[in-house]
Amino acid sequence: MTTGRDSLTKAEARTVATIEAEVPTLDEARSLLSRFQTMIRERRRPDVDVWIEAAASRAVP
């Protein structure tokens, strides 16, 4: 659920959307992971502290 979202078939996209709707914590975790991956890929070191604060404040176990 973290890679290849643009290349999903319609059925796969519906499945992912259903899972994310039914398990909001999973969607939130995916969003945090996506932000982290982008931050690392783009070498945005100043954003690390902000990301850590955002991740720590979430209810993601």
C-alpha atoms as a PDB file:
ATOM      1  CA  MET A   1       0.000   0.000   0.000  1.00  0.00           C
ATOM      2  CA  THR A   2       3.017   2.282  -0.105  1.00  0.00           C
ATOM      3  CA  THR A   3       4.411   1.776  -3.581  1.00  0.00           C
ATOM      4  CA  GLY A   4       3.019   1.724  -7.065  1.00  0.00           C
ATOM      5  CA  ARG A   5      -0.262   3.426  -6.211  1.00  0.00           C
ATOM      6  CA  ASP A   6      -0.322   4.985  -9.672  1.00  0.00           C
ATOM      7  CA  SER A   7      -0.085   1.619 -11.375  1.00  0.00           C
ATOM      8  CA  LEU A   8      -2.918  -0.176  -9.571  1.00  0.00           C
ATOM      9  CA  THR A   9      -5.725  -1.724 -11.555  1.00  0.00           C
ATOM     10  CA  LYS A  10      -9.228  -0.411 -10.848  1.00  0.00           C
ATOM     11  CA  ALA A  11      -9.976  -3.477  -8.740  1.00  0.00           C
ATOM     12  CA  GLU A  12      -6.769  -3.055  -6.745  1.00  0.00           C
ATOM     13  CA  ALA A  13      -7.458   0.649  -6.231  1.00  0.00           C
ATOM     14  CA  ARG A  14     -10.954  -0.165  -4.938  1.00  0.00           C
ATOM     15  CA  THR A  15      -9.509  -2.771  -2.579  1.00  0.00           C
ATOM     16  CA  VAL A  16      -6.957  -0.306  -1.209  1.00  0.00           C
ATOM     17  CA  ALA A  17      -9.624   2.396  -0.834  1.00  0.00           C
ATOM     18  CA  THR A  18     -11.883  -0.031   1.035  1.00  0.00           C
ATOM     19  CA  ILE A  19      -9.097  -1.085   3.386  1.00  0.00           C
ATOM     20  CA  GLU A  20      -8.105   2.519   4.054  1.00  0.00           C
ATOM     21  CA  ALA A  21     -11.731   3.484   4.741  1.00  0.00           C
ATOM     22  CA  GLU A  22     -12.230   0.579   7.143  1.00  0.00           C
ATOM     23  CA  VAL A  23      -8.874   0.923   8.908  1.00  0.00           C
ATOM     24  CA  PRO A  24      -8.144   4.658   9.261  1.00  0.00           C
ATOM     25  CA  THR A  25      -5.069   3.980  11.394  1.00  0.00           C
ATOM     26  CA  LEU A  26      -3.549   2.023   8.525  1.00  0.00           C
ATOM     27  CA  ASP A  27      -4.243   4.896   6.127  1.00  0.00           C
ATOM     28  CA  GLU A  28      -2.644   7.328   8.574  1.00  0.00           C
ATOM     29  CA  ALA A  29       0.428   5.081   8.893  1.00  0.00           C
ATOM     30  CA  ARG A  30       0.681   4.858   5.095  1.00  0.00           C
ATOM     31  CA  SER A  31       0.493   8.635   4.849  1.00  0.00           C
ATOM     32  CA  LEU A  32       3.239   9.087   7.456  1.00  0.00           C
ATOM     33  CA  LEU A  33       5.418   6.540   5.687  1.00  0.00           C
ATOM     34  CA  SER A  34       4.877   8.222   2.339  1.00  0.00           C
ATOM     35  CA  ARG A  35       5.838  11.601   3.788  1.00  0.00           C
ATOM     36  CA  PHE A  36       8.938  10.050   5.355  1.00  0.00           C
ATOM     37  CA  GLN A  37       9.994   8.386   2.095  1.00  0.00           C
ATOM     38  CA  THR A  38       9.582  11.658   0.185  1.00  0.00           C
ATOM     39  CA  MET A  39      11.497  13.584   2.829  1.00  0.00           C
ATOM     40  CA  ILE A  40      14.399  11.124   2.721  1.00  0.00           C
ATOM     41  CA  ARG A  41      14.414  10.854  -1.077  1.00  0.00           C
ATOM     42  CA  GLU A  42      14.531  14.648  -1.404  1.00  0.00           C
ATOM     43  CA  ARG A  43      17.075  14.957   1.434  1.00  0.00           C
ATOM     44  CA  ARG A  44      14.945  17.436   3.362  1.00  0.00           C
ATOM     45  CA  ARG A  45      16.779  17.126   6.659  1.00  0.00           C
ATOM     46  CA  PRO A  46      15.156  20.227   8.217  1.00  0.00           C
ATOM     47  CA  ASP A  47      11.780  18.490   7.914  1.00  0.00           C
ATOM     48  CA  VAL A  48      12.827  15.516  10.063  1.00  0.00           C
ATOM     49  CA  ASP A  49      11.936  17.137  13.399  1.00  0.00           C
ATOM     50  CA  VAL A  50       8.539  18.232  12.112  1.00  0.00           C
ATOM     51  CA  TRP A  51       7.870  14.725  10.786  1.00  0.00           C
ATOM     52  CA  ILE A  52       8.907  13.144  14.100  1.00  0.00           C
ATOM     53  CA  GLU A  53       6.534  15.445  15.998  1.00  0.00           C
ATOM     54  CA  ALA A  54       3.692  14.598  13.595  1.00  0.00           C
ATOM     55  CA  ALA A  55       4.381  10.865  13.854  1.00  0.00           C
ATOM     56  CA  ALA A  56       4.622  10.974  17.650  1.00  0.00           C
ATOM     57  CA  SER A  57       1.310  12.804  17.971  1.00  0.00           C
ATOM     58  CA  ARG A  58      -0.624  10.201  15.941  1.00  0.00           C
ATOM     59  CA  ALA A  59      -2.494   7.247  17.335  1.00  0.00           C
ATOM     60  CA  VAL A  60      -0.572   4.847  15.114  1.00  0.00           C
ATOM     61  CA  PRO A  61       0.746   1.983  17.270  1.00  0.00           C
END
